[in-house]
PDB file of N, CA and C in Angstrom:
ATOM      1  N   MET A   1      30.810   1.487  25.140  1.00  0.00           N
ATOM      2  CA  MET A   1      30.178   1.236  26.413  1.00  0.00           C
ATOM      3  C   MET A   1      29.385  -0.067  26.350  1.00  0.00           C
ATOM      4  N   LEU A   2      28.487  -0.172  25.394  1.00  0.00           N
ATOM      5  CA  LEU A   2      27.732  -1.408  25.227  1.00  0.00           C
ATOM      6  C   LEU A   2      28.557  -2.394  24.419  1.00  0.00           C
ATOM      7  N   ARG A   3      28.437  -3.664  24.727  1.00  0.00           N
ATOM      8  CA  ARG A   3      29.080  -4.686  23.916  1.00  0.00           C
ATOM      9  C   ARG A   3      28.047  -5.747  23.621  1.00  0.00           C
ATOM     10  N   GLN A   4      28.276  -6.470  22.534  1.00  0.00           N
ATOM     11  CA  GLN A   4      27.299  -7.467  22.113  1.00  0.00           C
ATOM     12  C   GLN A   4      27.108  -8.519  23.193  1.00  0.00           C
ATOM     13  N   VAL A   5      25.851  -8.879  23.424  1.00  0.00           N
ATOM     14  CA  VAL A   5      25.501  -9.844  24.454  1.00  0.00           C
ATOM     15  C   VAL A   5      25.270 -11.195  23.786  1.00  0.00           C
ATOM     16  N   ASN A   6      25.951 -12.212  24.275  1.00  0.00           N
ATOM     17  CA  ASN A   6      25.771 -13.566  23.753  1.00  0.00           C
ATOM     18  C   ASN A   6      24.635 -14.256  24.480  1.00  0.00           C
ATOM     19  N   LYS A   7      24.033 -15.258  23.837  1.00  0.00           N
ATOM     20  CA  LYS A   7      22.941 -16.003  24.450  1.00  0.00           C
ATOM     21  C   LYS A   7      23.373 -16.671  25.749  1.00  0.00           C
ATOM     22  N   GLN A   8      24.618 -17.142  25.832  1.00  0.00           N
ATOM     23  CA  GLN A   8      25.079 -17.878  26.996  1.00  0.00           C
ATOM     24  C   GLN A   8      25.104 -17.011  28.251  1.00  0.00           C
ATOM     25  N   ASP A   9      25.534 -15.777  28.158  1.00  0.00           N
ATOM     26  CA  ASP A   9      25.658 -14.940  29.343  1.00  0.00           C
ATOM     27  C   ASP A   9      24.557 -13.887  29.453  1.00  0.00           C
ATOM     28  N   PHE A  10      23.508 -14.031  28.679  1.00  0.00           N
ATOM     29  CA  PHE A  10      22.456 -13.022  28.618  1.00  0.00           C
ATOM     30  C   PHE A  10      21.757 -12.828  29.958  1.00  0.00           C
ATOM     31  N   SER A  11      21.408 -13.905  30.638  1.00  0.00           N
ATOM     32  CA  SER A  11      20.594 -13.783  31.840  1.00  0.00           C
ATOM     33  C   SER A  11      21.330 -13.081  32.981  1.00  0.00           C
ATOM     34  N   ASN A  12      22.634 -13.189  33.059  1.00  0.00           N
ATOM     35  CA  ASN A  12      23.379 -12.580  34.151  1.00  0.00           C
ATOM     36  C   ASN A  12      24.199 -11.371  33.725  1.00  0.00           C
ATOM     37  N   HIS A  13      24.066 -10.941  32.496  1.00  0.00           N
ATOM     38  CA  HIS A  13      24.895  -9.873  31.949  1.00  0.00           C
ATOM     39  C   HIS A  13      24.387  -8.500  32.376  1.00  0.00           C
ATOM     40  N   MET A  14      25.275  -7.706  32.956  1.00  0.00           N
ATOM     41  CA  MET A  14      24.941  -6.333  33.301  1.00  0.00           C
ATOM     42  C   MET A  14      25.237  -5.447  32.096  1.00  0.00           C
ATOM     43  N   VAL A  15      24.346  -4.515  31.839  1.00  0.00           N
ATOM     44  CA  VAL A  15      24.474  -3.614  30.704  1.00  0.00           C
ATOM     45  C   VAL A  15      24.604  -2.188  31.232  1.00  0.00           C
ATOM     46  N   GLY A  16      25.559  -1.469  30.695  1.00  0.00           N
ATOM     47  CA  GLY A  16      25.680  -0.043  31.004  1.00  0.00           C
ATOM     48  C   GLY A  16      25.137   0.747  29.834  1.00  0.00           C
ATOM     49  N   VAL A  17      24.047   1.453  30.058  1.00  0.00           N
ATOM     50  CA  VAL A  17      23.402   2.219  28.991  1.00  0.00           C
ATOM     51  C   VAL A  17      23.730   3.696  29.182  1.00  0.00           C
ATOM     52  N   PRO A  18      24.413   4.303  28.199  1.00  0.00           N
ATOM     53  CA  PRO A  18      24.731   5.720  28.329  1.00  0.00           C
ATOM     54  C   PRO A  18      23.471   6.582  28.251  1.00  0.00           C
ATOM     55  N   THR A  19      23.356   7.477  29.187  1.00  0.00           N
ATOM     56  CA  THR A  19      22.229   8.404  29.227  1.00  0.00           C
ATOM     57  C   THR A  19      22.769   9.820  29.140  1.00  0.00           C
ATOM     58  N   ILE A  20      21.890  10.765  29.152  1.00  0.00           N
ATOM     59  CA  ILE A  20      22.294  12.167  29.111  1.00  0.00           C
ATOM     60  C   ILE A  20      23.027  12.548  30.403  1.00  0.00           C
ATOM     61  N   GLU A  21      22.625  11.930  31.513  1.00  0.00           N
ATOM     62  CA  GLU A  21      23.194  12.270  32.816  1.00  0.00           C
ATOM     63  C   GLU A  21      24.381  11.406  33.218  1.00  0.00           C
ATOM     64  N   GLY A  22      24.625  10.293  32.531  1.00  0.00           N
ATOM     65  CA  GLY A  22      25.709   9.385  32.911  1.00  0.00           C
ATOM     66  C   GLY A  22      25.485   8.008  32.314  1.00  0.00           C
ATOM     67  N   ILE A  23      25.606   6.980  33.151  1.00  0.00           N
ATOM     68  CA  ILE A  23      25.416   5.603  32.704  1.00  0.00           C
ATOM     69  C   ILE A  23      24.472   4.902  33.676  1.00  0.00           C
ATOM     70  N   ALA A  24      23.450   4.231  33.140  1.00  0.00           N
ATOM     71  CA  ALA A  24      22.518   3.444  33.947  1.00  0.00           C
ATOM     72  C   ALA A  24      22.879   1.977  33.784  1.00  0.00           C
ATOM     73  N   PHE A  25      22.976   1.242  34.893  1.00  0.00           N
ATOM     74  CA  PHE A  25      23.336  -0.180  34.872  1.00  0.00           C
ATOM     75  C   PHE A  25      22.154  -1.026  35.323  1.00  0.00           C
ATOM     76  N   PHE A  26      21.911  -2.108  34.591  1.00  0.00           N
ATOM     77  CA  PHE A  26      20.901  -3.092  34.961  1.00  0.00           C
ATOM     78  C   PHE A  26      21.153  -4.362  34.171  1.00  0.00           C
ATOM     79  N   LYS A  27      20.475  -5.450  34.545  1.00  0.00           N
ATOM     80  CA  LYS A  27      20.643  -6.717  33.833  1.00  0.00           C
ATOM     81  C   LYS A  27      19.970  -6.645  32.472  1.00  0.00           C
ATOM     82  N   ALA A  28      20.589  -7.259  31.480  1.00  0.00           N
ATOM     83  CA  ALA A  28      20.044  -7.240  30.121  1.00  0.00           C
ATOM     84  C   ALA A  28      18.660  -7.876  30.070  1.00  0.00           C
ATOM     85  N   GLU A  29      18.418  -8.886  30.873  1.00  0.00           N
ATOM     86  CA  GLU A  29      17.117  -9.555  30.851  1.00  0.00           C
ATOM     87  C   GLU A  29      15.988  -8.683  31.403  1.00  0.00           C
ATOM     88  N   GLU A  30      16.322  -7.586  32.088  1.00  0.00           N
ATOM     89  CA  GLU A  30      15.306  -6.680  32.616  1.00  0.00           C
ATOM     90  C   GLU A  30      14.762  -5.727  31.555  1.00  0.00           C
ATOM     91  N   ILE A  31      15.422  -5.634  30.419  1.00  0.00           N
ATOM     92  CA  ILE A  31      14.946  -4.749  29.355  1.00  0.00           C
ATOM     93  C   ILE A  31      13.690  -5.356  28.737  1.00  0.00           C
ATOM     94  N   ILE A  32      12.620  -4.612  28.749  1.00  0.00           N
ATOM     95  CA  ILE A  32      11.360  -5.066  28.163  1.00  0.00           C
ATOM     96  C   ILE A  32      11.328  -4.709  26.680  1.00  0.00           C
ATOM     97  N   ARG A  33      11.645  -3.457  26.390  1.00  0.00           N
ATOM     98  CA  ARG A  33      11.638  -3.000  25.006  1.00  0.00           C
ATOM     99  C   ARG A  33      12.417  -1.710  24.877  1.00  0.00           C
ATOM    100  N   CYS A  34      12.741  -1.375  23.637  1.00  0.00           N
ATOM    101  CA  CYS A  34      13.405  -0.116  23.314  1.00  0.00           C
ATOM    102  C   CYS A  34      12.601   0.552  22.204  1.00  0.00           C
ATOM    103  N   GLU A  35      12.491   1.861  22.295  1.00  0.00           N
ATOM    104  CA  GLU A  35      11.757   2.606  21.272  1.00  0.00           C
ATOM    105  C   GLU A  35      12.604   3.789  20.815  1.00  0.00           C
ATOM    106  N   GLY A  36      12.851   3.860  19.517  1.00  0.00           N
ATOM    107  CA  GLY A  36      13.647   4.944  18.954  1.00  0.00           C
ATOM    108  C   GLY A  36      12.886   6.242  18.938  1.00  0.00           C
ATOM    109  N   MET A  37      13.591   7.304  19.320  1.00  0.00           N
ATOM    110  CA  MET A  37      13.015   8.648  19.332  1.00  0.00           C
ATOM    111  C   MET A  37      14.029   9.575  18.676  1.00  0.00           C
ATOM    112  N   GLN A  38      13.912   9.775  17.386  1.00  0.00           N
ATOM    113  CA  GLN A  38      14.867  10.555  16.599  1.00  0.00           C
ATOM    114  C   GLN A  38      16.269   9.976  16.782  1.00  0.00           C
ATOM    115  N   ARG A  39      17.183  10.665  17.445  1.00  0.00           N
ATOM    116  CA  ARG A  39      18.547  10.149  17.617  1.00  0.00           C
ATOM    117  C   ARG A  39      18.765   9.511  18.986  1.00  0.00           C
ATOM    118  N   LEU A  40      17.734   9.433  19.786  1.00  0.00           N
ATOM    119  CA  LEU A  40      17.806   8.843  21.118  1.00  0.00           C
ATOM    120  C   LEU A  40      16.985   7.567  21.162  1.00  0.00           C
ATOM    121  N   THR A  41      17.099   6.825  22.247  1.00  0.00           N
ATOM    122  CA  THR A  41      16.299   5.615  22.432  1.00  0.00           C
ATOM    123  C   THR A  41      15.737   5.606  23.837  1.00  0.00           C
ATOM    124  N   GLN A  42      14.461   5.320  23.944  1.00  0.00           N
ATOM    125  CA  GLN A  42      13.842   5.153  25.255  1.00  0.00           C
ATOM    126  C   GLN A  42      13.886   3.660  25.581  1.00  0.00           C
ATOM    127  N   VAL A  43      14.560   3.320  26.666  1.00  0.00           N
ATOM    128  CA  VAL A  43      14.736   1.935  27.085  1.00  0.00           C
ATOM    129  C   VAL A  43      13.791   1.687  28.261  1.00  0.00           C
ATOM    130  N   PHE A  44      12.882   0.740  28.093  1.00  0.00           N
ATOM    131  CA  PHE A  44      11.918   0.408  29.133  1.00  0.00           C
ATOM    132  C   PHE A  44      12.428  -0.818  29.885  1.00  0.00           C
ATOM    133  N   VAL A  45      12.711  -0.646  31.164  1.00  0.00           N
ATOM    134  CA  VAL A  45      13.109  -1.753  32.026  1.00  0.00           C
ATOM    135  C   VAL A  45      11.967  -2.018  32.989  1.00  0.00           C
ATOM    136  N   GLU A  46      12.100  -3.024  33.809  1.00  0.00           N
ATOM    137  CA  GLU A  46      10.981  -3.448  34.648  1.00  0.00           C
ATOM    138  C   GLU A  46      10.447  -2.343  35.560  1.00  0.00           C
ATOM    139  N   ARG A  47      11.286  -1.444  36.009  1.00  0.00           N
ATOM    140  CA  ARG A  47      10.850  -0.443  36.973  1.00  0.00           C
ATOM    141  C   ARG A  47      10.777   0.982  36.433  1.00  0.00           C
ATOM    142  N   GLU A  48      11.354   1.239  35.274  1.00  0.00           N
ATOM    143  CA  GLU A  48      11.437   2.612  34.804  1.00  0.00           C
ATOM    144  C   GLU A  48      11.707   2.679  33.305  1.00  0.00           C
ATOM    145  N   ALA A  49      11.690   3.888  32.784  1.00  0.00           N
ATOM    146  CA  ALA A  49      12.067   4.147  31.393  1.00  0.00           C
ATOM    147  C   ALA A  49      13.268   5.077  31.410  1.00  0.00           C
ATOM    148  N   ILE A  50      14.263   4.758  30.611  1.00  0.00           N
ATOM    149  CA  ILE A  50      15.508   5.502  30.574  1.00  0.00           C
ATOM    150  C   ILE A  50      15.702   6.043  29.164  1.00  0.00           C
ATOM    151  N   ILE A  51      16.125   7.272  29.048  1.00  0.00           N
ATOM    152  CA  ILE A  51      16.452   7.855  27.749  1.00  0.00           C
ATOM    153  C   ILE A  51      17.951   7.658  27.529  1.00  0.00           C
ATOM    154  N   SER A  52      18.301   6.945  26.458  1.00  0.00           N
ATOM    155  CA  SER A  52      19.702   6.686  26.141  1.00  0.00           C
ATOM    156  C   SER A  52      20.158   7.586  25.001  1.00  0.00           C
ATOM    157  N   SER A  53      21.421   7.943  25.041  1.00  0.00           N
ATOM    158  CA  SER A  53      21.980   8.770  23.973  1.00  0.00           C
ATOM    159  C   SER A  53      22.324   7.948  22.729  1.00  0.00           C
ATOM    160  N   TYR A  54      22.224   6.612  22.816  1.00  0.00           N
ATOM    161  CA  TYR A  54      22.435   5.759  21.642  1.00  0.00           C
ATOM    162  C   TYR A  54      21.155   5.694  20.810  1.00  0.00           C
ATOM    163  N   ASN A  55      21.306   5.495  19.503  1.00  0.00           N
ATOM    164  CA  ASN A  55      20.115   5.335  18.673  1.00  0.00           C
ATOM    165  C   ASN A  55      19.665   3.873  18.678  1.00  0.00           C
ATOM    166  N   ILE A  56      18.486   3.617  18.178  1.00  0.00           N
ATOM    167  CA  ILE A  56      17.892   2.279  18.224  1.00  0.00           C
ATOM    168  C   ILE A  56      18.713   1.257  17.448  1.00  0.00           C
ATOM    169  N   CYS A  57      19.389   1.676  16.400  1.00  0.00           N
ATOM    170  CA  CYS A  57      20.209   0.745  15.603  1.00  0.00           C
ATOM    171  C   CYS A  57      21.323   0.125  16.430  1.00  0.00           C
ATOM    172  N   GLU A  58      21.887   0.892  17.335  1.00  0.00           N
ATOM    173  CA  GLU A  58      22.948   0.379  18.196  1.00  0.00           C
ATOM    174  C   GLU A  58      22.412  -0.728  19.110  1.00  0.00           C
ATOM    175  N   PHE A  59      21.221  -0.542  19.656  1.00  0.00           N
ATOM    176  CA  PHE A  59      20.617  -1.562  20.504  1.00  0.00           C
ATOM    177  C   PHE A  59      20.257  -2.805  19.691  1.00  0.00           C
ATOM    178  N   CYS A  60      19.755  -2.615  18.483  1.00  0.00           N
ATOM    179  CA  CYS A  60      19.438  -3.761  17.616  1.00  0.00           C
ATOM    180  C   CYS A  60      20.687  -4.566  17.312  1.00  0.00           C
ATOM    181  N   ARG A  61      21.754  -3.899  16.989  1.00  0.00           N
ATOM    182  CA  ARG A  61      23.013  -4.581  16.680  1.00  0.00           C
ATOM    183  C   ARG A  61      23.510  -5.404  17.872  1.00  0.00           C
ATOM    184  N   LEU A  62      23.327  -4.887  19.058  1.00  0.00           N
ATOM    185  CA  LEU A  62      23.851  -5.545  20.246  1.00  0.00           C
ATOM    186  C   LEU A  62      22.962  -6.671  20.767  1.00  0.00           C
ATOM    187  N   PHE A  63      21.647  -6.527  20.655  1.00  0.00           N
ATOM    188  CA  PHE A  63      20.741  -7.468  21.316  1.00  0.00           C
ATOM    189  C   PHE A  63      19.964  -8.412  20.407  1.00  0.00           C
ATOM    190  N   CYS A  64      19.962  -8.216  19.110  1.00  0.00           N
ATOM    191  CA  CYS A  64      19.106  -9.034  18.245  1.00  0.00           C
ATOM    192  C   CYS A  64      19.473 -10.519  18.249  1.00  0.00           C
ATOM    193  N   ASP A  65      20.690 -10.866  18.565  1.00  0.00           N
ATOM    194  CA  ASP A  65      21.078 -12.277  18.616  1.00  0.00           C
ATOM    195  C   ASP A  65      20.845 -12.908  19.980  1.00  0.00           C
ATOM    196  N   SER A  66      20.279 -12.175  20.915  1.00  0.00           N
ATOM    197  CA  SER A  66      20.144 -12.711  22.274  1.00  0.00           C
ATOM    198  C   SER A  66      18.739 -12.547  22.839  1.00  0.00           C
ATOM    199  N   GLY A  67      17.743 -12.969  22.096  1.00  0.00           N
ATOM    200  CA  GLY A  67      16.380 -12.980  22.608  1.00  0.00           C
ATOM    201  C   GLY A  67      15.561 -11.739  22.313  1.00  0.00           C
ATOM    202  N   PHE A  68      16.094 -10.826  21.533  1.00  0.00           N
ATOM    203  CA  PHE A  68      15.360  -9.625  21.152  1.00  0.00           C
ATOM    204  C   PHE A  68      14.999  -9.706  19.672  1.00  0.00           C
ATOM    205  N   PHE A  69      13.968  -8.951  19.289  1.00  0.00           N
ATOM    206  CA  PHE A  69      13.556  -8.891  17.894  1.00  0.00           C
ATOM    207  C   PHE A  69      13.098  -7.472  17.598  1.00  0.00           C
ATOM    208  N   SER A  70      13.403  -7.002  16.397  1.00  0.00           N
ATOM    209  CA  SER A  70      12.974  -5.676  15.971  1.00  0.00           C
ATOM    210  C   SER A  70      11.763  -5.824  15.050  1.00  0.00           C
ATOM    211  N   PRO A  71      10.545  -5.658  15.590  1.00  0.00           N
ATOM    212  CA  PRO A  71       9.345  -5.830  14.775  1.00  0.00           C
ATOM    213  C   PRO A  71       9.037  -4.630  13.880  1.00  0.00           C
ATOM    214  N   HIS A  72       9.719  -3.534  14.118  1.00  0.00           N
ATOM    215  CA  HIS A  72       9.469  -2.291  13.407  1.00  0.00           C
ATOM    216  C   HIS A  72      10.754  -1.480  13.452  1.00  0.00           C
ATOM    217  N   LYS A  73      10.965  -0.593  12.520  1.00  0.00           N
ATOM    218  CA  LYS A  73      12.247   0.127  12.445  1.00  0.00           C
ATOM    219  C   LYS A  73      12.555   0.948  13.690  1.00  0.00           C
ATOM    220  N   SER A  74      11.561   1.308  14.457  1.00  0.00           N
ATOM    221  CA  SER A  74      11.820   2.112  15.651  1.00  0.00           C
ATOM    222  C   SER A  74      11.558   1.365  16.962  1.00  0.00           C
ATOM    223  N   HIS A  75      11.459   0.038  16.898  1.00  0.00           N
ATOM    224  CA  HIS A  75      11.177  -0.744  18.101  1.00  0.00           C
ATOM    225  C   HIS A  75      12.069  -1.983  18.183  1.00  0.00           C
ATOM    226  N   LEU A  76      12.364  -2.361  19.412  1.00  0.00           N
ATOM    227  CA  LEU A  76      13.099  -3.590  19.713  1.00  0.00           C
ATOM    228  C   LEU A  76      12.443  -4.177  20.948  1.00  0.00           C
ATOM    229  N   ILE A  77      12.047  -5.460  20.879  1.00  0.00           N
ATOM    230  CA  ILE A  77      11.360  -6.064  22.020  1.00  0.00           C
ATOM    231  C   ILE A  77      12.130  -7.276  22.527  1.00  0.00           C
ATOM    232  N   ASN A  78      12.015  -7.499  23.827  1.00  0.00           N
ATOM    233  CA  ASN A  78      12.551  -8.695  24.452  1.00  0.00           C
ATOM    234  C   ASN A  78      11.474  -9.761  24.319  1.00  0.00           C
ATOM    235  N   LEU A  79      11.755 -10.828  23.615  1.00  0.00           N
ATOM    236  CA  LEU A  79      10.745 -11.855  23.357  1.00  0.00           C
ATOM    237  C   LEU A  79      10.289 -12.571  24.621  1.00  0.00           C
ATOM    238  N   GLN A  80      11.051 -12.483  25.694  1.00  0.00           N
ATOM    239  CA  GLN A  80      10.632 -13.078  26.967  1.00  0.00           C
ATOM    240  C   GLN A  80       9.417 -12.362  27.547  1.00  0.00           C
ATOM    241  N   TYR A  81       9.205 -11.114  27.149  1.00  0.00           N
ATOM    242  CA  TYR A  81       8.076 -10.321  27.655  1.00  0.00           C
ATOM    243  C   TYR A  81       6.893 -10.309  26.694  1.00  0.00           C
ATOM    244  N   LEU A  82       6.959 -11.074  25.632  1.00  0.00           N
ATOM    245  CA  LEU A  82       5.865 -11.118  24.659  1.00  0.00           C
ATOM    246  C   LEU A  82       4.653 -11.795  25.287  1.00  0.00           C
ATOM    247  N   HIS A  83       3.518 -11.125  25.208  1.00  0.00           N
ATOM    248  CA  HIS A  83       2.280 -11.677  25.759  1.00  0.00           C
ATOM    249  C   HIS A  83       1.381 -12.231  24.659  1.00  0.00           C
ATOM    250  N   SER A  84       1.196 -11.460  23.573  1.00  0.00           N
ATOM    251  CA  SER A  84       0.341 -11.940  22.490  1.00  0.00           C
ATOM    252  C   SER A  84       0.692 -11.245  21.171  1.00  0.00           C
ATOM    253  N   TYR A  85       0.372 -11.934  20.101  1.00  0.00           N
ATOM    254  CA  TYR A  85       0.525 -11.407  18.743  1.00  0.00           C
ATOM    255  C   TYR A  85      -0.869 -11.259  18.170  1.00  0.00           C
ATOM    256  N   HIS A  86      -1.141 -10.110  17.582  1.00  0.00           N
ATOM    257  CA  HIS A  86      -2.456  -9.846  17.002  1.00  0.00           C
ATOM    258  C   HIS A  86      -2.345  -9.871  15.489  1.00  0.00           C
ATOM    259  N   ILE A  87      -3.253 -10.552  14.853  1.00  0.00           N
ATOM    260  CA  ILE A  87      -3.195 -10.764  13.416  1.00  0.00           C
ATOM    261  C   ILE A  87      -3.259  -9.452  12.633  1.00  0.00           C
ATOM    262  N   TRP A  88      -3.826  -8.388  13.221  1.00  0.00           N
ATOM    263  CA  TRP A  88      -3.911  -7.112  12.511  1.00  0.00           C
ATOM    264  C   TRP A  88      -2.593  -6.341  12.532  1.00  0.00           C
ATOM    265  N   GLY A  89      -1.558  -6.892  13.197  1.00  0.00           N
ATOM    266  CA  GLY A  89      -0.232  -6.323  13.023  1.00  0.00           C
ATOM    267  C   GLY A  89       0.424  -5.661  14.208  1.00  0.00           C
ATOM    268  N   ASP A  90       0.113  -6.094  15.411  1.00  0.00           N
ATOM    269  CA  ASP A  90       0.892  -5.590  16.535  1.00  0.00           C
ATOM    270  C   ASP A  90       1.051  -6.669  17.593  1.00  0.00           C
ATOM    271  N   ASN A  91       1.934  -6.397  18.539  1.00  0.00           N
ATOM    272  CA  ASN A  91       2.229  -7.320  19.627  1.00  0.00           C
ATOM    273  C   ASN A  91       1.906  -6.637  20.944  1.00  0.00           C
ATOM    274  N   THR A  92       1.457  -7.412  21.910  1.00  0.00           N
ATOM    275  CA  THR A  92       1.247  -6.905  23.255  1.00  0.00           C
ATOM    276  C   THR A  92       2.293  -7.547  24.152  1.00  0.00           C
ATOM    277  N   LEU A  93       2.922  -6.730  24.967  1.00  0.00           N
ATOM    278  CA  LEU A  93       3.922  -7.221  25.904  1.00  0.00           C
ATOM    279  C   LEU A  93       3.294  -7.352  27.286  1.00  0.00           C
ATOM    280  N   ARG A  94       3.976  -8.038  28.188  1.00  0.00           N
ATOM    281  CA  ARG A  94       3.430  -8.287  29.519  1.00  0.00           C
ATOM    282  C   ARG A  94       3.182  -7.025  30.336  1.00  0.00           C
ATOM    283  N   ASP A  95       3.855  -5.937  30.002  1.00  0.00           N
ATOM    284  CA  ASP A  95       3.629  -4.683  30.727  1.00  0.00           C
ATOM    285  C   ASP A  95       2.429  -3.914  30.175  1.00  0.00           C
ATOM    286  N   GLY A  96       1.751  -4.473  29.175  1.00  0.00           N
ATOM    287  CA  GLY A  96       0.566  -3.852  28.592  1.00  0.00           C
ATOM    288  C   GLY A  96       0.843  -2.979  27.383  1.00  0.00           C
ATOM    289  N   SER A  97       2.094  -2.762  27.047  1.00  0.00           N
ATOM    290  CA  SER A  97       2.419  -1.916  25.899  1.00  0.00           C
ATOM    291  C   SER A  97       2.180  -2.666  24.594  1.00  0.00           C
ATOM    292  N   ARG A  98       1.815  -1.904  23.574  1.00  0.00           N
ATOM    293  CA  ARG A  98       1.599  -2.466  22.234  1.00  0.00           C
ATOM    294  C   ARG A  98       2.686  -1.959  21.314  1.00  0.00           C
ATOM    295  N   VAL A  99       3.230  -2.877  20.527  1.00  0.00           N
ATOM    296  CA  VAL A  99       4.323  -2.552  19.615  1.00  0.00           C
ATOM    297  C   VAL A  99       3.905  -2.986  18.213  1.00  0.00           C
ATOM    298  N   PRO A 100       4.026  -2.090  17.222  1.00  0.00           N
ATOM    299  CA  PRO A 100       3.625  -2.462  15.858  1.00  0.00           C
ATOM    300  C   PRO A 100       4.565  -3.491  15.245  1.00  0.00           C
ATOM    301  N   LEU A 101       4.009  -4.291  14.358  1.00  0.00           N
ATOM    302  CA  LEU A 101       4.780  -5.273  13.605  1.00  0.00           C
ATOM    303  C   LEU A 101       4.677  -4.913  12.132  1.00  0.00           C
ATOM    304  N   ALA A 102       5.797  -4.580  11.521  1.00  0.00           N
ATOM    305  CA  ALA A 102       5.816  -4.206  10.108  1.00  0.00           C
ATOM    306  C   ALA A 102       5.461  -5.420   9.246  1.00  0.00           C
ATOM    307  N   ARG A 103       4.718  -5.205   8.196  1.00  0.00           N
ATOM    308  CA  ARG A 103       4.330  -6.319   7.305  1.00  0.00           C
ATOM    309  C   ARG A 103       5.540  -7.057   6.770  1.00  0.00           C
ATOM    310  N   ARG A 104       6.587  -6.334   6.445  1.00  0.00           N
ATOM    311  CA  ARG A 104       7.795  -6.963   5.883  1.00  0.00           C
ATOM    312  C   ARG A 104       8.544  -7.813   6.898  1.00  0.00           C
ATOM    313  N   ARG A 105       8.296  -7.600   8.177  1.00  0.00           N
ATOM    314  CA  ARG A 105       9.004  -8.364   9.213  1.00  0.00           C
ATOM    315  C   ARG A 105       8.137  -9.447   9.839  1.00  0.00           C
ATOM    316  N   ARG A 106       6.889  -9.556   9.388  1.00  0.00           N
ATOM    317  CA  ARG A 106       5.951 -10.517   9.981  1.00  0.00           C
ATOM    318  C   ARG A 106       6.428 -11.952   9.835  1.00  0.00           C
ATOM    319  N   GLU A 107       6.876 -12.346   8.655  1.00  0.00           N
ATOM    320  CA  GLU A 107       7.323 -13.721   8.438  1.00  0.00           C
ATOM    321  C   GLU A 107       8.532 -14.059   9.310  1.00  0.00           C
ATOM    322  N   ALA A 108       9.493 -13.157   9.378  1.00  0.00           N
ATOM    323  CA  ALA A 108      10.683 -13.378  10.214  1.00  0.00           C
ATOM    324  C   ALA A 108      10.296 -13.443  11.689  1.00  0.00           C
ATOM    325  N   PHE A 109       9.333 -12.612  12.087  1.00  0.00           N
ATOM    326  CA  PHE A 109       8.871 -12.632  13.470  1.00  0.00           C
ATOM    327  C   PHE A 109       8.225 -13.969  13.819  1.00  0.00           C
ATOM    328  N   LEU A 110       7.307 -14.417  12.969  1.00  0.00           N
ATOM    329  CA  LEU A 110       6.629 -15.685  13.227  1.00  0.00           C
ATOM    330  C   LEU A 110       7.601 -16.869  13.253  1.00  0.00           C
ATOM    331  N   GLU A 111       8.588 -16.836  12.374  1.00  0.00           N
ATOM    332  CA  GLU A 111       9.616 -17.878  12.369  1.00  0.00           C
ATOM    333  C   GLU A 111      10.424 -17.849  13.670  1.00  0.00           C
ATOM    334  N   ARG A 112      10.761 -16.672  14.115  1.00  0.00           N
ATOM    335  CA  ARG A 112      11.556 -16.534  15.344  1.00  0.00           C
ATOM    336  C   ARG A 112      10.766 -16.974  16.567  1.00  0.00           C
ATOM    337  N   VAL A 113       9.478 -16.649  16.606  1.00  0.00           N
ATOM    338  CA  VAL A 113       8.637 -17.008  17.746  1.00  0.00           C
ATOM    339  C   VAL A 113       8.388 -18.513  17.788  1.00  0.00           C
ATOM    340  N   ARG A 114       8.292 -19.145  16.642  1.00  0.00           N
ATOM    341  CA  ARG A 114       8.095 -20.604  16.606  1.00  0.00           C
ATOM    342  C   ARG A 114       9.236 -21.332  17.294  1.00  0.00           C
ATOM    343  N   HIS A 115      10.444 -20.800  17.167  1.00  0.00           N
ATOM    344  CA  HIS A 115      11.625 -21.450  17.724  1.00  0.00           C
ATOM    345  C   HIS A 115      12.018 -20.899  19.073  1.00  0.00           C
ATOM    346  N   PHE A 116      11.207 -20.030  19.625  1.00  0.00           N
ATOM    347  CA  PHE A 116      11.545 -19.390  20.885  1.00  0.00           C
ATOM    348  C   PHE A 116      11.206 -20.290  22.054  1.00  0.00           C
TER     349      PHE A 116
END
């Protein structure tokens, strides 16, 4: 259902996310963040939160090359929605949510943000 999103078509790409009830469609750029919940993933878009039947690893595989970063094993964030980075180890997104940043991923995160 999901296919890898390239940087070139990211802004206009529609994504079909499998849910328990069917498939939810929205633009990939509307995804703010994803949070893993056991074998499911909660996908936060601009207007709502959707529970997907895919696990977080599937979303990481598909979106990490197109403006997303996984700061923690159970989180994936859209860097376009990044508001601030806190030195004590978390990020704040524009919607007010806080996402932890694993110590082992801090260097890769800072490198990625420098070039963003």
